[in-house]
Amino acid sequence: MSEGYTPFLLTGSKTFLKLKIDTSRKVDLNKLREYLAARAGFLKGAKIELLWEPEIPEYELFNSVSQILREEFYAEVDQNEESKTPFNLDFGIFDDKDLIPNDLKKIDVEDSKSAIVIFGPLRSGQKVETAQSLVLVGDANHASEIVAGGDIFVLGALRGLAHAGAFEEKPKSIIFALTMAPTQLRIGSVISRGESGIQSKGIKPEVARLDDDIIVIEPYNSKIYSRGFK
């Protein structure tokens, strides 16, 4: 480690600060406390945006850092709509009250409401799983995976795998996308036959649904689907 190196960098004004944390090494929370204590006068009452480089942390680390800032230095961790996520990335899961950060390789969501909303994009290798319906605002890129117990709505391009009605044999769940170009679609126990078997026109928003034991894709018709997907 080079002399003078610090994994933390606090910048900004007294009312709005940015705390950059180097995640290329293990983050030492005691060292973080020492770093913040030397700057405690700037922290009290300030709003702080957390920046993680080069990689986002696991939820436990984010939660620990947030707790230190709030409870020990009386700062506010910024989670506003402008920054989308506390990781300064364009990915987040929101409910009515809080942002729920997690390991982006696989996100298990327990939610009592009928649907959750995710602000994307969903990158290659990332997987989102929920027992409810799911709305993705953004693209689901190649090699990404969405698994939902209900319907799936992709307000962008669907290029990865999407599995709706995942916990039923033959559900009435649907998969909606503004651009339907998946590597594979699954509804219940029915699996599409790969890219060659997905008959998408790719021209307008489309819906995939079960017709007997076959997944069919058809253009979205607001007059039909506004009555419900069931």
C-alpha atoms as a PDB file:
ATOM      1  CA  MET A   1       0.000   0.000   0.000  1.00  0.00           C
ATOM      2  CA  SER A   2       1.480   3.377  -0.988  1.00  0.00           C
ATOM      3  CA  GLU A   3       2.316   5.918   1.706  1.00  0.00           C
ATOM      4  CA  GLY A   4      -0.515   8.372   2.269  1.00  0.00           C
ATOM      5  CA  TYR A   5      -3.097   6.120   0.640  1.00  0.00           C
ATOM      6  CA  THR A   6      -6.621   6.369   2.003  1.00  0.00           C
ATOM      7  CA  PRO A   7      -9.611   4.359   0.812  1.00  0.00           C
ATOM      8  CA  PHE A   8     -11.933   7.242   1.700  1.00  0.00           C
ATOM      9  CA  LEU A   9     -12.452  10.676   0.134  1.00  0.00           C
ATOM     10  CA  LEU A  10     -14.956  13.234   1.389  1.00  0.00           C
ATOM     11  CA  THR A  11     -15.761  16.130  -0.940  1.00  0.00           C
ATOM     12  CA  GLY A  12     -18.471  18.738  -1.416  1.00  0.00           C
ATOM     13  CA  SER A  13     -20.044  21.551   0.548  1.00  0.00           C
ATOM     14  CA  LYS A  14     -21.108  21.578   4.191  1.00  0.00           C
ATOM     15  CA  THR A  15     -24.750  20.851   3.321  1.00  0.00           C
ATOM     16  CA  PHE A  16     -24.153  18.211   0.620  1.00  0.00           C
ATOM     17  CA  LEU A  17     -21.181  15.866   0.644  1.00  0.00           C
ATOM     18  CA  LYS A  18     -19.936  12.930  -1.375  1.00  0.00           C
ATOM     19  CA  LEU A  19     -18.088  10.114   0.334  1.00  0.00           C
ATOM     20  CA  LYS A  20     -16.101   7.932  -2.071  1.00  0.00           C
ATOM     21  CA  ILE A  21     -15.090   4.528  -0.732  1.00  0.00           C
ATOM     22  CA  ASP A  22     -12.506   2.281  -2.395  1.00  0.00           C
ATOM     23  CA  THR A  23     -13.885  -1.267  -2.504  1.00  0.00           C
ATOM     24  CA  SER A  24     -10.840  -2.770  -4.262  1.00  0.00           C
ATOM     25  CA  ARG A  25      -9.644  -3.692  -0.765  1.00  0.00           C
ATOM     26  CA  LYS A  26     -11.565  -4.822   2.290  1.00  0.00           C
ATOM     27  CA  VAL A  27     -13.214  -1.782   3.879  1.00  0.00           C
ATOM     28  CA  ASP A  28     -12.053  -1.288   7.472  1.00  0.00           C
ATOM     29  CA  LEU A  29     -14.963   0.275   9.373  1.00  0.00           C
ATOM     30  CA  ASN A  30     -12.723   1.375  12.241  1.00  0.00           C
ATOM     31  CA  LYS A  31     -10.493   3.232   9.770  1.00  0.00           C
ATOM     32  CA  LEU A  32     -13.628   4.786   8.331  1.00  0.00           C
ATOM     33  CA  ARG A  33     -14.658   5.971  11.803  1.00  0.00           C
ATOM     34  CA  GLU A  34     -11.217   7.544  12.292  1.00  0.00           C
ATOM     35  CA  TYR A  35     -11.431   9.272   8.918  1.00  0.00           C
ATOM     36  CA  LEU A  36     -14.922  10.614   9.627  1.00  0.00           C
ATOM     37  CA  ALA A  37     -14.080  11.650  13.190  1.00  0.00           C
ATOM     38  CA  ALA A  38     -11.398  13.993  11.835  1.00  0.00           C
ATOM     39  CA  ARG A  39     -14.090  15.644   9.739  1.00  0.00           C
ATOM     40  CA  ALA A  40     -16.997  15.422  12.166  1.00  0.00           C
ATOM     41  CA  GLY A  41     -17.655  19.145  11.970  1.00  0.00           C
ATOM     42  CA  PHE A  42     -18.656  18.802   8.337  1.00  0.00           C
ATOM     43  CA  LEU A  43     -20.906  15.792   8.838  1.00  0.00           C
ATOM     44  CA  LYS A  44     -23.537  16.775  11.379  1.00  0.00           C
ATOM     45  CA  GLY A  45     -26.794  17.526   9.570  1.00  0.00           C
ATOM     46  CA  ALA A  46     -25.224  17.139   6.124  1.00  0.00           C
ATOM     47  CA  LYS A  47     -26.658  15.028   3.340  1.00  0.00           C
ATOM     48  CA  ILE A  48     -24.132  12.509   2.047  1.00  0.00           C
ATOM     49  CA  GLU A  49     -24.086  10.597  -1.231  1.00  0.00           C
ATOM     50  CA  LEU A  50     -22.090   7.357  -1.106  1.00  0.00           C
ATOM     51  CA  LEU A  51     -19.889   6.531  -4.092  1.00  0.00           C
ATOM     52  CA  TRP A  52     -18.397   3.039  -4.343  1.00  0.00           C
ATOM     53  CA  GLU A  53     -15.445   2.346  -6.649  1.00  0.00           C
ATOM     54  CA  PRO A  54     -14.641   0.172  -8.467  1.00  0.00           C
ATOM     55  CA  GLU A  55     -17.461  -2.143  -7.358  1.00  0.00           C
ATOM     56  CA  ILE A  56     -20.638  -1.792  -5.346  1.00  0.00           C
ATOM     57  CA  PRO A  57     -20.631  -3.431  -1.909  1.00  0.00           C
ATOM     58  CA  GLU A  58     -22.854  -6.095  -0.458  1.00  0.00           C
ATOM     59  CA  TYR A  59     -25.868  -4.863   1.467  1.00  0.00           C
ATOM     60  CA  GLU A  60     -24.251  -5.549   4.852  1.00  0.00           C
ATOM     61  CA  LEU A  61     -21.423  -3.097   4.154  1.00  0.00           C
ATOM     62  CA  PHE A  62     -23.744  -0.432   2.798  1.00  0.00           C
ATOM     63  CA  ASN A  63     -25.952  -0.823   5.858  1.00  0.00           C
ATOM     64  CA  SER A  64     -22.982  -0.618   8.256  1.00  0.00           C
ATOM     65  CA  VAL A  65     -21.572   2.521   6.623  1.00  0.00           C
ATOM     66  CA  SER A  66     -25.005   4.158   6.570  1.00  0.00           C
ATOM     67  CA  GLN A  67     -25.537   3.303  10.231  1.00  0.00           C
ATOM     68  CA  ILE A  68     -22.173   4.809  11.211  1.00  0.00           C
ATOM     69  CA  LEU A  69     -22.944   8.022   9.355  1.00  0.00           C
ATOM     70  CA  ARG A  70     -26.425   8.361  10.819  1.00  0.00           C
ATOM     71  CA  GLU A  71     -25.948   7.195  14.394  1.00  0.00           C
ATOM     72  CA  GLU A  72     -22.371   8.261  15.138  1.00  0.00           C
ATOM     73  CA  PHE A  73     -21.998  11.401  13.015  1.00  0.00           C
ATOM     74  CA  TYR A  74     -25.636  12.520  12.640  1.00  0.00           C
ATOM     75  CA  ALA A  75     -25.466  12.731   8.867  1.00  0.00           C
ATOM     76  CA  GLU A  76     -28.164  11.845   6.362  1.00  0.00           C
ATOM     77  CA  VAL A  77     -27.412   9.268   3.673  1.00  0.00           C
ATOM     78  CA  ASP A  78     -28.860  10.525   0.414  1.00  0.00           C
ATOM     79  CA  GLN A  79     -31.329   8.183  -1.295  1.00  0.00           C
ATOM     80  CA  ASN A  80     -33.163  10.693  -3.461  1.00  0.00           C
ATOM     81  CA  GLU A  81     -34.578  10.117  -6.909  1.00  0.00           C
ATOM     82  CA  GLU A  82     -31.850  12.154  -8.566  1.00  0.00           C
ATOM     83  CA  SER A  83     -29.080   9.707  -7.673  1.00  0.00           C
ATOM     84  CA  LYS A  84     -31.325   6.660  -8.192  1.00  0.00           C
ATOM     85  CA  THR A  85     -29.301   4.514  -5.768  1.00  0.00           C
ATOM     86  CA  PRO A  86     -26.911   5.016  -2.890  1.00  0.00           C
ATOM     87  CA  PHE A  87     -24.235   3.343  -5.021  1.00  0.00           C
ATOM     88  CA  ASN A  88     -24.263   6.134  -7.601  1.00  0.00           C
ATOM     89  CA  LEU A  89     -25.371   3.573 -10.176  1.00  0.00           C
ATOM     90  CA  ASP A  90     -28.530   3.493 -12.241  1.00  0.00           C
ATOM     91  CA  PHE A  91     -29.916   0.409 -10.573  1.00  0.00           C
ATOM     92  CA  GLY A  92     -32.189   0.251  -7.571  1.00  0.00           C
ATOM     93  CA  ILE A  93     -35.204  -1.389  -6.009  1.00  0.00           C
ATOM     94  CA  PHE A  94     -37.809   0.874  -4.463  1.00  0.00           C
ATOM     95  CA  ASP A  95     -40.908   0.410  -2.369  1.00  0.00           C
ATOM     96  CA  ASP A  96     -43.113   3.039  -0.741  1.00  0.00           C
ATOM     97  CA  LYS A  97     -40.560   3.915   1.918  1.00  0.00           C
ATOM     98  CA  ASP A  98     -37.026   2.781   1.325  1.00  0.00           C
ATOM     99  CA  LEU A  99     -34.464   1.817  -1.230  1.00  0.00           C
ATOM    100  CA  ILE A 100     -33.518  -1.834  -0.800  1.00  0.00           C
ATOM    101  CA  PRO A 101     -29.911  -2.357  -1.935  1.00  0.00           C
ATOM    102  CA  ASN A 102     -28.565  -5.859  -2.352  1.00  0.00           C
ATOM    103  CA  ASP A 103     -25.973  -7.917  -4.139  1.00  0.00           C
ATOM    104  CA  LEU A 104     -26.688  -7.189  -7.785  1.00  0.00           C
ATOM    105  CA  LYS A 105     -25.639 -10.649  -8.941  1.00  0.00           C
ATOM    106  CA  LYS A 106     -28.803 -12.043  -7.382  1.00  0.00           C
ATOM    107  CA  ILE A 107     -31.549 -10.107  -5.657  1.00  0.00           C
ATOM    108  CA  ASP A 108     -34.132 -11.978  -3.598  1.00  0.00           C
ATOM    109  CA  VAL A 109     -37.030  -9.704  -2.778  1.00  0.00           C
ATOM    110  CA  GLU A 110     -39.711 -10.366  -0.218  1.00  0.00           C
ATOM    111  CA  ASP A 111     -42.563  -7.935  -0.728  1.00  0.00           C
ATOM    112  CA  SER A 112     -46.156  -8.049   0.455  1.00  0.00           C
ATOM    113  CA  LYS A 113     -47.455  -5.775  -2.296  1.00  0.00           C
ATOM    114  CA  SER A 114     -48.616  -6.994  -5.684  1.00  0.00           C
ATOM    115  CA  ALA A 115     -45.561  -5.705  -7.553  1.00  0.00           C
ATOM    116  CA  ILE A 116     -42.114  -4.206  -7.115  1.00  0.00           C
ATOM    117  CA  VAL A 117     -40.460  -1.612  -9.352  1.00  0.00           C
ATOM    118  CA  ILE A 118     -36.804  -1.740 -10.379  1.00  0.00           C
ATOM    119  CA  PHE A 119     -34.946   1.074 -12.073  1.00  0.00           C
ATOM    120  CA  GLY A 120     -32.516  -0.549 -14.497  1.00  0.00           C
ATOM    121  CA  PRO A 121     -30.693  -1.434 -16.588  1.00  0.00           C
ATOM    122  CA  LEU A 122     -30.269  -5.055 -15.588  1.00  0.00           C
ATOM    123  CA  ARG A 123     -26.760  -5.955 -16.690  1.00  0.00           C
ATOM    124  CA  SER A 124     -25.280  -9.194 -17.973  1.00  0.00           C
ATOM    125  CA  GLY A 125     -24.971 -11.737 -15.185  1.00  0.00           C
ATOM    126  CA  GLN A 126     -27.469 -10.024 -12.894  1.00  0.00           C
ATOM    127  CA  LYS A 127     -30.548 -11.834 -11.634  1.00  0.00           C
ATOM    128  CA  VAL A 128     -33.660 -10.438  -9.992  1.00  0.00           C
ATOM    129  CA  GLU A 129     -36.121 -12.738  -8.242  1.00  0.00           C
ATOM    130  CA  THR A 130     -39.391 -11.928  -6.488  1.00  0.00           C
ATOM    131  CA  ALA A 131     -42.531 -13.795  -5.500  1.00  0.00           C
ATOM    132  CA  GLN A 132     -44.618 -10.881  -6.798  1.00  0.00           C
ATOM    133  CA  SER A 133     -45.025  -9.214 -10.178  1.00  0.00           C
ATOM    134  CA  LEU A 134     -42.098  -7.110 -11.337  1.00  0.00           C
ATOM    135  CA  VAL A 135     -41.713  -3.880 -13.308  1.00  0.00           C
ATOM    136  CA  LEU A 136     -38.272  -3.084 -14.738  1.00  0.00           C
ATOM    137  CA  VAL A 137     -37.811   0.515 -15.883  1.00  0.00           C
ATOM    138  CA  GLY A 138     -34.925   0.020 -18.278  1.00  0.00           C
ATOM    139  CA  ASP A 139     -33.364  -2.724 -20.377  1.00  0.00           C
ATOM    140  CA  ALA A 140     -32.774  -6.319 -19.348  1.00  0.00           C
ATOM    141  CA  ASN A 141     -29.559  -7.036 -21.172  1.00  0.00           C
ATOM    142  CA  HIS A 142     -28.241 -10.292 -22.634  1.00  0.00           C
ATOM    143  CA  ALA A 143     -27.394 -12.948 -19.981  1.00  0.00           C
ATOM    144  CA  SER A 144     -29.523 -11.209 -17.356  1.00  0.00           C
ATOM    145  CA  GLU A 145     -32.390 -13.065 -15.675  1.00  0.00           C
ATOM    146  CA  ILE A 146     -35.766 -12.020 -14.283  1.00  0.00           C
ATOM    147  CA  VAL A 147     -37.831 -14.463 -12.206  1.00  0.00           C
ATOM    148  CA  ALA A 148     -41.239 -13.379 -10.906  1.00  0.00           C
ATOM    149  CA  GLY A 149     -44.135 -15.156  -9.269  1.00  0.00           C
ATOM    150  CA  GLY A 150     -46.527 -12.896 -11.169  1.00  0.00           C
ATOM    151  CA  ASP A 151     -46.292 -10.810 -14.327  1.00  0.00           C
ATOM    152  CA  ILE A 152     -43.150  -9.191 -15.764  1.00  0.00           C
ATOM    153  CA  PHE A 153     -43.175  -5.720 -17.352  1.00  0.00           C
ATOM    154  CA  VAL A 154     -39.991  -4.482 -19.016  1.00  0.00           C
ATOM    155  CA  LEU A 155     -40.187  -0.807 -19.947  1.00  0.00           C
ATOM    156  CA  GLY A 156     -37.259  -1.180 -22.282  1.00  0.00           C
ATOM    157  CA  ALA A 157     -35.634  -4.000 -24.244  1.00  0.00           C
ATOM    158  CA  LEU A 158     -35.880  -7.559 -22.949  1.00  0.00           C
ATOM    159  CA  ARG A 159     -32.764  -9.383 -24.177  1.00  0.00           C
ATOM    160  CA  GLY A 160     -32.147 -11.852 -21.365  1.00  0.00           C
ATOM    161  CA  LEU A 161     -34.195 -14.618 -19.767  1.00  0.00           C
ATOM    162  CA  ALA A 162     -37.623 -13.845 -18.293  1.00  0.00           C
ATOM    163  CA  HIS A 163     -39.629 -16.321 -16.199  1.00  0.00           C
ATOM    164  CA  ALA A 164     -43.135 -15.215 -15.190  1.00  0.00           C
ATOM    165  CA  GLY A 165     -45.537 -17.216 -13.016  1.00  0.00           C
ATOM    166  CA  ALA A 166     -42.473 -19.046 -11.804  1.00  0.00           C
ATOM    167  CA  PHE A 167     -44.137 -20.827  -8.904  1.00  0.00           C
ATOM    168  CA  GLU A 168     -47.182 -22.211 -10.701  1.00  0.00           C
ATOM    169  CA  GLU A 169     -47.613 -25.005 -13.227  1.00  0.00           C
ATOM    170  CA  LYS A 170     -49.784 -23.130 -15.744  1.00  0.00           C
ATOM    171  CA  PRO A 171     -50.288 -19.556 -14.573  1.00  0.00           C
ATOM    172  CA  LYS A 172     -52.076 -16.762 -16.401  1.00  0.00           C
ATOM    173  CA  SER A 173     -49.061 -14.509 -16.011  1.00  0.00           C
ATOM    174  CA  ILE A 174     -47.751 -12.479 -18.940  1.00  0.00           C
ATOM    175  CA  ILE A 175     -44.421 -10.961 -19.992  1.00  0.00           C
ATOM    176  CA  PHE A 176     -44.579  -7.445 -21.460  1.00  0.00           C
ATOM    177  CA  ALA A 177     -41.687  -5.598 -23.113  1.00  0.00           C
ATOM    178  CA  LEU A 178     -41.329  -2.472 -25.205  1.00  0.00           C
ATOM    179  CA  THR A 179     -38.793  -4.442 -27.271  1.00  0.00           C
ATOM    180  CA  MET A 180     -39.130  -8.218 -27.111  1.00  0.00           C
ATOM    181  CA  ALA A 181     -35.786  -9.844 -27.967  1.00  0.00           C
ATOM    182  CA  PRO A 182     -35.190 -12.428 -25.207  1.00  0.00           C
ATOM    183  CA  THR A 183     -32.802 -15.343 -25.185  1.00  0.00           C
ATOM    184  CA  GLN A 184     -35.514 -17.399 -23.500  1.00  0.00           C
ATOM    185  CA  LEU A 185     -39.030 -16.954 -22.141  1.00  0.00           C
ATOM    186  CA  ARG A 186     -40.662 -19.082 -19.465  1.00  0.00           C
ATOM    187  CA  ILE A 187     -44.185 -18.905 -18.152  1.00  0.00           C
ATOM    188  CA  GLY A 188     -44.882 -21.390 -15.396  1.00  0.00           C
ATOM    189  CA  SER A 189     -43.414 -24.708 -16.472  1.00  0.00           C
ATOM    190  CA  VAL A 190     -43.549 -23.849 -20.185  1.00  0.00           C
ATOM    191  CA  ILE A 191     -40.278 -22.859 -21.817  1.00  0.00           C
ATOM    192  CA  SER A 192     -39.821 -21.179 -25.181  1.00  0.00           C
ATOM    193  CA  ARG A 193     -37.623 -22.971 -27.682  1.00  0.00           C
ATOM    194  CA  GLY A 194     -34.842 -20.402 -27.675  1.00  0.00           C
ATOM    195  CA  GLU A 195     -34.402 -17.418 -29.951  1.00  0.00           C
ATOM    196  CA  SER A 196     -35.519 -19.275 -33.060  1.00  0.00           C
ATOM    197  CA  GLY A 197     -38.781 -20.210 -31.368  1.00  0.00           C
ATOM    198  CA  ILE A 198     -39.656 -16.704 -30.177  1.00  0.00           C
ATOM    199  CA  GLN A 199     -41.795 -15.201 -32.889  1.00  0.00           C
ATOM    200  CA  SER A 200     -41.333 -11.526 -32.017  1.00  0.00           C
ATOM    201  CA  LYS A 201     -41.883  -8.804 -34.602  1.00  0.00           C
ATOM    202  CA  GLY A 202     -39.756  -6.392 -32.561  1.00  0.00           C
ATOM    203  CA  ILE A 203     -41.684  -3.416 -33.942  1.00  0.00           C
ATOM    204  CA  LYS A 204     -43.924  -2.339 -31.077  1.00  0.00           C
ATOM    205  CA  PRO A 205     -44.596  -3.268 -27.454  1.00  0.00           C
ATOM    206  CA  GLU A 206     -45.440  -6.952 -27.216  1.00  0.00           C
ATOM    207  CA  VAL A 207     -46.887  -9.407 -24.732  1.00  0.00           C
ATOM    208  CA  ALA A 208     -45.960 -13.055 -24.262  1.00  0.00           C
ATOM    209  CA  ARG A 209     -48.636 -15.329 -22.815  1.00  0.00           C
ATOM    210  CA  LEU A 210     -49.602 -18.970 -22.651  1.00  0.00           C
ATOM    211  CA  ASP A 211     -51.915 -20.380 -25.293  1.00  0.00           C
ATOM    212  CA  ASP A 212     -52.553 -23.959 -24.170  1.00  0.00           C
ATOM    213  CA  ASP A 213     -48.992 -25.223 -23.677  1.00  0.00           C
ATOM    214  CA  ILE A 214     -47.286 -22.797 -26.050  1.00  0.00           C
ATOM    215  CA  ILE A 215     -45.833 -19.367 -25.394  1.00  0.00           C
ATOM    216  CA  VAL A 216     -47.131 -16.908 -27.985  1.00  0.00           C
ATOM    217  CA  ILE A 217     -46.104 -13.306 -28.519  1.00  0.00           C
ATOM    218  CA  GLU A 218     -48.558 -10.713 -29.755  1.00  0.00           C
ATOM    219  CA  PRO A 219     -48.601  -6.913 -30.104  1.00  0.00           C
ATOM    220  CA  TYR A 220     -49.757  -5.089 -26.991  1.00  0.00           C
ATOM    221  CA  ASN A 221     -53.339  -3.893 -27.362  1.00  0.00           C
ATOM    222  CA  SER A 222     -54.342  -1.373 -24.694  1.00  0.00           C
ATOM    223  CA  LYS A 223     -58.051  -1.941 -25.329  1.00  0.00           C
ATOM    224  CA  ILE A 224     -57.674  -5.637 -24.548  1.00  0.00           C
ATOM    225  CA  TYR A 225     -55.081  -5.598 -21.779  1.00  0.00           C
ATOM    226  CA  SER A 226     -56.495  -2.601 -19.907  1.00  0.00           C
ATOM    227  CA  ARG A 227     -59.256  -4.975 -18.792  1.00  0.00           C
ATOM    228  CA  GLY A 228     -56.660  -7.092 -17.022  1.00  0.00           C
ATOM    229  CA  PHE A 229     -54.200  -9.815 -17.903  1.00  0.00           C
ATOM    230  CA  LYS A 230     -56.194 -12.643 -16.400  1.00  0.00           C
END
